[in-house]
Amino acid sequence: KFFSAEGFKIPDADEDRMTEMVLDPDFDWNYPDPADTGRAYKIKDAPGRYIVYLKNSFPSHLSLEGLRVVIDCANGANYRVAPLALEELGAEVVRIGTEPNGLNINYRCGSLYPEAVAAKVRETRADIGLALDGDADRLIVVDEKGAVLDGDQIMALCAQDLMQQGKLPGNILVATVMSNMALEVFMKERGGTLVRTNVGDRHVVAAMRQHGALLGGEQSGHLIFREYSTTGDGLLAALQILRIMRQRGKPLSELAGLLTPYPQELRNVHVERKTPFEDCPDIAEAVERIESGLEGRGRVLLRYSGTEPLCRVMVEGQDAERVRAYAKELAGIVGKALG
């Protein structure tokens, strides 16, 4: 991954241009003299410095003493540092996914498999479960009852906390087109605004910078707290949730009950071509009809996969049975028109 001098991921267009340069056999590289190529520096004690950085994001007058925390590190990048950071803040830590062997990263563990941490929370009667992914930029949370909370529910909790403190500029939260409509309604009911972007944490961060927002993320668990970081950090996000639990003095199940996601149905349809949807009359008509049938209490989202010959068909609304029926119908129409 490439980052700019400010610490942000570089734009897609710049990455594409760099790829073209590398693959172009005729590109004139105009190599600089060795003395002009810059210097590489090794960061000494990076884990220790990272733990200090994390602890500085957590209020100094608070501790995690008395909390039992299950953390699943997905046998990945944070297998050593994450448990240590939590222990240094006083938590009793139950570890899983902390034995990487080079092959087991993300294998039946971590944020892609939250059932593992949920089972361990119930078994150990823990207060919270944290599931990171292999590179530790995503977080899925489990409450003390073993219920799995996705990125939308976590964002709702954090957004309300920051709004109550007057620390959410413009009361703006940034999320992607995949975030549940319930999150949009949640923000609107509290005088806030949900700004949506394309899928991808780099798009979320770009919109946050554009709108001056300090909180953003994805349903999948990428969470960005721009006061502290320029990109997603699962452990940093976990500390913000633990801070809220400590300050509010309530169990996570009670705090996270703020948001009840609307029923959502997602179907992947194989397509032979990726024609703009507005150029397909049958699809455009079906979308308009279904949106009308949802009566403003749901939405339809169509988008092509960037890497596979697939169209993602998503329908959500308050009536689960109607949502399933609409998704099945629309998937059939898309398949017939583009398959």
Protein backbone atom coordinates (compact mmCIF):
# COMPACT_ATOMS: atom_id res chain seq x y z
CA LYS A 1 0.00 0.00 0.00
CA PHE A 2 1.24 3.47 -0.88
CA PHE A 3 0.72 6.51 1.33
CA SER A 4 1.16 10.21 0.67
CA ALA A 5 3.44 12.48 2.69
CA GLU A 6 0.40 13.33 4.86
CA GLY A 7 -0.15 9.66 5.73
CA PHE A 8 -3.24 9.10 3.58
CA LYS A 9 -3.66 6.39 0.95
CA ILE A 10 -2.93 7.83 -2.48
CA PRO A 11 -5.82 8.16 -4.99
CA ASP A 12 -6.78 5.26 -7.27
CA ALA A 13 -5.72 7.26 -10.33
CA ASP A 14 -2.19 7.66 -8.97
CA GLU A 15 -1.93 3.95 -8.18
CA ASP A 16 -3.19 3.09 -11.67
CA ARG A 17 -0.60 5.41 -13.21
CA MET A 18 2.19 3.82 -11.18
CA THR A 19 1.05 0.37 -12.31
CA GLU A 20 1.09 1.47 -15.94
CA MET A 21 4.61 2.83 -15.52
CA VAL A 22 5.90 -0.42 -14.01
CA LEU A 23 4.31 -2.56 -16.72
CA ASP A 24 5.33 -0.32 -19.65
CA PRO A 25 8.58 -1.74 -21.13
CA ASP A 26 9.18 1.51 -23.04
CA PHE A 27 8.79 3.87 -20.10
CA ASP A 28 11.74 6.24 -19.67
CA TRP A 29 12.57 5.91 -16.00
CA ASN A 30 15.34 8.54 -16.00
CA TYR A 31 16.91 6.94 -12.94
CA PRO A 32 18.35 9.43 -10.41
CA ASP A 33 21.87 9.27 -9.08
CA PRO A 34 22.18 6.98 -6.03
CA ALA A 35 22.86 9.97 -3.77
CA ASP A 36 19.50 11.50 -4.77
CA THR A 37 17.27 8.50 -4.03
CA GLY A 38 16.61 9.31 -0.39
CA ARG A 39 17.25 7.31 2.75
CA ALA A 40 15.53 4.39 4.44
CA TYR A 41 15.22 4.40 8.21
CA LYS A 42 14.29 1.49 10.44
CA ILE A 43 11.85 2.30 13.22
CA LYS A 44 13.20 0.89 16.45
CA ASP A 45 10.70 -0.63 18.88
CA ALA A 46 7.73 -0.09 16.56
CA PRO A 47 5.41 -2.27 18.72
CA GLY A 48 6.23 -0.27 21.84
CA ARG A 49 5.72 3.05 20.09
CA TYR A 50 2.40 1.84 18.69
CA ILE A 51 1.18 0.80 22.14
CA VAL A 52 2.08 4.25 23.51
CA TYR A 53 0.17 5.85 20.62
CA LEU A 54 -2.88 3.69 21.37
CA LYS A 55 -2.78 4.44 25.10
CA ASN A 56 -2.57 8.16 24.34
CA SER A 57 -5.92 7.87 22.51
CA PHE A 58 -7.51 6.49 25.69
CA PRO A 59 -8.40 8.87 28.58
CA SER A 60 -5.63 8.76 31.18
CA HIS A 61 -8.11 8.76 34.09
CA LEU A 62 -9.80 5.59 32.84
CA SER A 63 -8.64 1.98 32.91
CA LEU A 64 -9.99 -1.36 31.76
CA GLU A 65 -9.59 -3.01 35.15
CA GLY A 66 -12.44 -5.40 35.88
CA LEU A 67 -13.25 -5.96 32.21
CA ARG A 68 -12.80 -9.37 30.62
CA VAL A 69 -12.04 -8.94 26.92
CA VAL A 70 -11.86 -11.70 24.33
CA ILE A 71 -9.73 -10.73 21.35
CA ASP A 72 -9.36 -12.70 18.13
CA CYS A 73 -6.34 -11.46 16.19
CA ALA A 74 -6.98 -13.68 13.14
CA ASN A 75 -3.45 -15.08 13.41
CA GLY A 76 -2.41 -11.85 11.78
CA ALA A 77 -0.48 -8.63 12.17
CA ASN A 78 -1.73 -7.68 15.64
CA TYR A 79 -1.41 -11.10 17.27
CA ARG A 80 1.19 -9.84 19.76
CA VAL A 81 0.56 -6.12 20.23
CA ALA A 82 -3.24 -6.07 20.60
CA PRO A 83 -3.41 -8.30 23.70
CA LEU A 84 -0.46 -6.45 25.27
CA ALA A 85 -2.07 -3.04 24.75
CA LEU A 86 -5.32 -4.19 26.36
CA GLU A 87 -3.47 -5.76 29.28
CA GLU A 88 -1.42 -2.60 29.86
CA LEU A 89 -4.71 -0.72 30.19
CA GLY A 90 -5.83 -3.18 32.86
CA ALA A 91 -8.09 -5.62 31.02
CA GLU A 92 -8.20 -9.35 31.63
CA VAL A 93 -7.53 -10.66 28.12
CA VAL A 94 -8.63 -13.96 26.64
CA ARG A 95 -6.67 -14.60 23.44
CA ILE A 96 -7.59 -16.53 20.33
CA GLY A 97 -6.11 -16.32 16.85
CA THR A 98 -2.69 -15.44 18.26
CA GLU A 99 -0.62 -18.34 16.92
CA PRO A 100 0.31 -17.44 13.33
CA ASN A 101 2.21 -20.01 11.30
CA GLY A 102 2.26 -18.24 7.97
CA LEU A 103 -0.69 -20.21 6.63
CA ASN A 104 -3.54 -19.76 9.09
CA ILE A 105 -4.13 -16.01 8.81
CA ASN A 106 -7.91 -15.31 8.65
CA TYR A 107 -8.58 -19.07 8.57
CA ARG A 108 -11.84 -19.67 10.44
CA CYS A 109 -11.06 -16.80 12.77
CA GLY A 110 -11.02 -13.03 13.03
CA SER A 111 -13.56 -10.54 11.72
CA LEU A 112 -14.44 -12.82 8.79
CA TYR A 113 -15.50 -15.55 11.23
CA PRO A 114 -17.00 -13.78 14.27
CA GLU A 115 -18.67 -16.98 15.45
CA ALA A 116 -15.35 -17.97 17.05
CA VAL A 117 -15.05 -14.93 19.28
CA ALA A 118 -18.79 -14.99 20.04
CA ALA A 119 -18.52 -18.57 21.31
CA LYS A 120 -15.52 -17.68 23.46
CA VAL A 121 -17.35 -14.67 24.93
CA ARG A 122 -20.24 -16.89 26.01
CA GLU A 123 -17.87 -19.57 27.31
CA THR A 124 -15.78 -17.17 29.42
CA ARG A 125 -18.62 -14.79 30.32
CA ALA A 126 -16.60 -11.91 28.95
CA ASP A 127 -17.78 -8.30 28.78
CA ILE A 128 -16.90 -7.85 25.11
CA GLY A 129 -15.37 -9.68 22.17
CA LEU A 130 -13.14 -8.05 19.56
CA ALA A 131 -12.41 -9.64 16.19
CA LEU A 132 -9.70 -8.12 14.00
CA ASP A 133 -8.86 -9.18 10.47
CA GLY A 134 -5.42 -10.30 9.34
CA ASP A 135 -3.98 -6.84 8.73
CA ALA A 136 -5.87 -5.42 11.72
CA ASP A 137 -7.61 -2.54 9.96
CA ARG A 138 -11.09 -4.03 10.43
CA LEU A 139 -13.04 -4.67 13.61
CA ILE A 140 -16.18 -6.65 14.35
CA VAL A 141 -17.48 -6.52 17.92
CA VAL A 142 -19.44 -9.02 20.02
CA ASP A 143 -21.45 -7.93 23.06
CA GLU A 144 -21.51 -9.74 26.39
CA LYS A 145 -24.43 -11.91 25.23
CA GLY A 146 -22.54 -13.13 22.17
CA ALA A 147 -24.44 -10.99 19.66
CA VAL A 148 -22.35 -9.84 16.69
CA LEU A 149 -22.29 -6.10 15.92
CA ASP A 150 -21.24 -4.91 12.48
CA GLY A 151 -19.60 -1.67 11.44
CA ASP A 152 -22.91 0.18 11.09
CA GLN A 153 -23.91 -0.54 14.67
CA ILE A 154 -20.49 0.47 15.94
CA MET A 155 -20.59 3.71 13.93
CA ALA A 156 -24.02 4.54 15.36
CA LEU A 157 -22.73 4.08 18.91
CA CYS A 158 -19.62 6.17 18.31
CA ALA A 159 -21.47 8.87 16.36
CA GLN A 160 -24.01 9.40 19.13
CA ASP A 161 -21.24 9.52 21.74
CA LEU A 162 -19.31 12.16 19.79
CA MET A 163 -22.46 14.19 19.05
CA GLN A 164 -23.36 14.25 22.74
CA GLN A 165 -19.89 15.60 23.48
CA GLY A 166 -20.07 18.14 20.66
CA LYS A 167 -17.08 16.47 19.01
CA LEU A 168 -18.60 15.45 15.67
CA PRO A 169 -18.08 18.45 13.34
CA GLY A 170 -21.28 19.28 11.49
CA ASN A 171 -22.76 16.09 12.98
CA ILE A 172 -21.49 14.36 9.83
CA LEU A 173 -20.83 10.63 9.60
CA VAL A 174 -19.29 9.17 6.44
CA ALA A 175 -20.13 5.63 5.31
CA THR A 176 -20.45 3.74 2.03
CA VAL A 177 -23.37 2.83 -0.20
CA MET A 178 -23.44 -0.57 1.52
CA SER A 179 -24.30 0.81 4.96
CA ASN A 180 -27.80 0.01 6.14
CA MET A 181 -30.52 2.60 5.61
CA ALA A 182 -31.26 2.40 9.33
CA LEU A 183 -27.97 4.21 9.92
CA GLU A 184 -29.10 7.05 7.65
CA VAL A 185 -32.41 7.33 9.54
CA PHE A 186 -30.54 7.14 12.85
CA MET A 187 -28.38 10.15 11.97
CA LYS A 188 -31.28 12.16 10.56
CA GLU A 189 -33.39 11.63 13.69
CA ARG A 190 -30.55 13.09 15.77
CA GLY A 191 -29.98 16.11 13.58
CA GLY A 192 -27.03 14.58 11.81
CA THR A 193 -26.13 13.70 8.24
CA LEU A 194 -24.88 10.47 6.69
CA VAL A 195 -22.61 11.09 3.70
CA ARG A 196 -22.29 8.03 1.45
CA THR A 197 -19.33 7.10 -0.74
CA ASN A 198 -18.32 4.25 -3.01
CA VAL A 199 -17.13 1.06 -1.34
CA GLY A 200 -13.57 1.23 -0.01
CA ASP A 201 -11.98 2.87 3.00
CA ARG A 202 -9.92 5.22 0.81
CA HIS A 203 -13.17 6.70 -0.54
CA VAL A 204 -14.47 7.09 3.00
CA VAL A 205 -11.32 8.92 4.09
CA ALA A 206 -11.40 11.17 1.02
CA ALA A 207 -14.99 12.19 1.81
CA MET A 208 -14.10 12.74 5.46
CA ARG A 209 -11.36 15.15 4.43
CA GLN A 210 -13.69 16.90 1.98
CA HIS A 211 -16.46 17.40 4.57
CA GLY A 212 -14.25 17.92 7.61
CA ALA A 213 -15.67 14.79 9.25
CA LEU A 214 -13.89 12.99 12.08
CA LEU A 215 -15.78 9.67 11.99
CA GLY A 216 -16.36 7.31 9.11
CA GLY A 217 -16.31 3.67 8.18
CA GLU A 218 -17.78 0.68 6.44
CA GLN A 219 -20.35 -1.93 7.38
CA SER A 220 -17.55 -4.49 7.03
CA GLY A 221 -15.73 -3.04 10.03
CA HIS A 222 -13.29 -0.49 8.61
CA LEU A 223 -13.57 2.37 11.10
CA ILE A 224 -11.70 5.67 10.83
CA PHE A 225 -11.31 8.08 13.75
CA ARG A 226 -9.60 10.95 11.98
CA GLU A 227 -8.74 12.73 15.22
CA TYR A 228 -6.20 9.96 15.79
CA SER A 229 -5.49 8.26 12.47
CA THR A 230 -5.48 8.69 8.70
CA THR A 231 -6.74 5.19 8.00
CA GLY A 232 -8.65 2.29 9.52
CA ASP A 233 -7.25 0.78 12.72
CA GLY A 234 -9.22 -2.01 14.38
CA LEU A 235 -7.50 -1.80 17.75
CA LEU A 236 -7.84 1.98 17.92
CA ALA A 237 -11.56 1.58 17.17
CA ALA A 238 -11.85 -1.07 19.88
CA LEU A 239 -10.39 1.33 22.45
CA GLN A 240 -12.98 3.95 21.53
CA ILE A 241 -15.77 1.45 22.17
CA LEU A 242 -14.20 0.39 25.47
CA ARG A 243 -13.91 4.06 26.43
CA ILE A 244 -17.64 4.54 25.84
CA MET A 245 -18.45 1.46 27.92
CA ARG A 246 -16.32 2.75 30.77
CA GLN A 247 -17.66 6.30 30.65
CA ARG A 248 -21.31 5.22 30.37
CA GLY A 249 -21.03 2.38 32.86
CA LYS A 250 -23.38 0.21 30.81
CA PRO A 251 -23.03 -3.20 29.13
CA LEU A 252 -22.39 -3.16 25.41
CA SER A 253 -25.69 -4.87 24.59
CA GLU A 254 -27.54 -1.90 26.08
CA LEU A 255 -25.33 0.71 24.42
CA ALA A 256 -25.43 -0.93 20.98
CA GLY A 257 -29.21 -1.29 20.99
CA LEU A 258 -29.37 2.18 19.45
CA LEU A 259 -29.49 0.81 15.90
CA THR A 260 -31.71 -1.97 14.59
CA PRO A 261 -30.63 -2.67 11.01
CA TYR A 262 -33.32 -2.98 8.36
CA PRO A 263 -33.64 -6.43 6.75
CA GLN A 264 -31.21 -6.57 3.84
CA GLU A 265 -30.98 -9.08 0.98
CA LEU A 266 -27.85 -9.25 -1.17
CA ARG A 267 -27.60 -11.40 -4.30
CA ASN A 268 -24.72 -11.89 -6.72
CA VAL A 269 -25.77 -12.26 -10.34
CA HIS A 270 -23.40 -13.49 -13.06
CA VAL A 271 -23.27 -11.09 -16.01
CA GLU A 272 -21.67 -11.28 -19.45
CA ARG A 273 -21.32 -7.52 -19.81
CA LYS A 274 -21.35 -4.49 -17.52
CA THR A 275 -23.70 -2.13 -19.30
CA PRO A 276 -24.66 1.05 -17.39
CA PHE A 277 -27.90 0.22 -15.59
CA GLU A 278 -29.63 3.34 -16.89
CA ASP A 279 -29.09 2.01 -20.42
CA CYS A 280 -31.10 -1.15 -19.63
CA PRO A 281 -34.82 -0.22 -19.75
CA ASP A 282 -36.03 -3.40 -18.05
CA ILE A 283 -33.65 -2.92 -15.12
CA ALA A 284 -34.33 0.81 -14.78
CA GLU A 285 -38.09 0.20 -14.80
CA ALA A 286 -37.82 -2.56 -12.20
CA VAL A 287 -35.69 -0.43 -9.88
CA GLU A 288 -38.14 2.47 -10.11
CA ARG A 289 -41.11 0.17 -9.43
CA ILE A 290 -39.46 -1.55 -6.46
CA GLU A 291 -38.33 1.74 -4.92
CA SER A 292 -41.91 2.97 -5.22
CA GLY A 293 -43.13 -0.22 -3.54
CA LEU A 294 -40.76 0.35 -0.63
CA GLU A 295 -42.57 3.67 -0.03
CA GLY A 296 -39.50 5.60 1.10
CA ARG A 297 -38.69 3.07 3.84
CA GLY A 298 -36.10 1.11 1.91
CA ARG A 299 -33.73 1.28 -1.02
CA VAL A 300 -32.27 -0.59 -3.97
CA LEU A 301 -28.58 -0.72 -4.83
CA LEU A 302 -27.04 -2.20 -7.97
CA ARG A 303 -23.30 -2.23 -8.51
CA TYR A 304 -20.84 -4.26 -10.52
CA SER A 305 -17.98 -6.14 -8.91
CA GLY A 306 -14.65 -4.57 -9.76
CA THR A 307 -12.89 -7.92 -10.07
CA GLU A 308 -15.51 -10.51 -11.07
CA PRO A 309 -18.25 -10.83 -13.74
CA LEU A 310 -20.91 -10.16 -11.12
CA CYS A 311 -23.62 -7.65 -10.39
CA ARG A 312 -24.42 -7.09 -6.72
CA VAL A 313 -28.16 -6.73 -6.20
CA MET A 314 -29.09 -5.34 -2.81
CA VAL A 315 -32.55 -4.53 -1.50
CA GLU A 316 -33.34 -3.40 2.03
CA GLY A 317 -36.44 -2.23 3.82
CA GLN A 318 -38.52 -2.67 6.96
CA ASP A 319 -40.49 -5.71 5.71
CA ALA A 320 -38.16 -8.72 5.47
CA GLU A 321 -40.52 -10.83 3.35
CA ARG A 322 -41.07 -8.04 0.86
CA VAL A 323 -37.33 -7.35 0.70
CA ARG A 324 -36.56 -11.00 -0.13
CA ALA A 325 -39.23 -11.07 -2.83
CA TYR A 326 -38.01 -7.85 -4.43
CA ALA A 327 -34.37 -9.00 -4.37
CA LYS A 328 -35.27 -12.31 -6.02
CA GLU A 329 -37.32 -10.53 -8.68
CA LEU A 330 -34.68 -7.91 -9.45
CA ALA A 331 -31.87 -10.48 -9.56
CA GLY A 332 -33.86 -12.41 -12.16
CA ILE A 333 -34.38 -9.31 -14.28
CA VAL A 334 -30.68 -8.38 -14.09
CA GLY A 335 -29.65 -11.91 -15.01
CA LYS A 336 -31.98 -11.96 -18.00
CA ALA A 337 -30.86 -8.54 -19.24
CA LEU A 338 -27.11 -8.94 -18.75
CA GLY A 339 -26.48 -12.69 -18.45
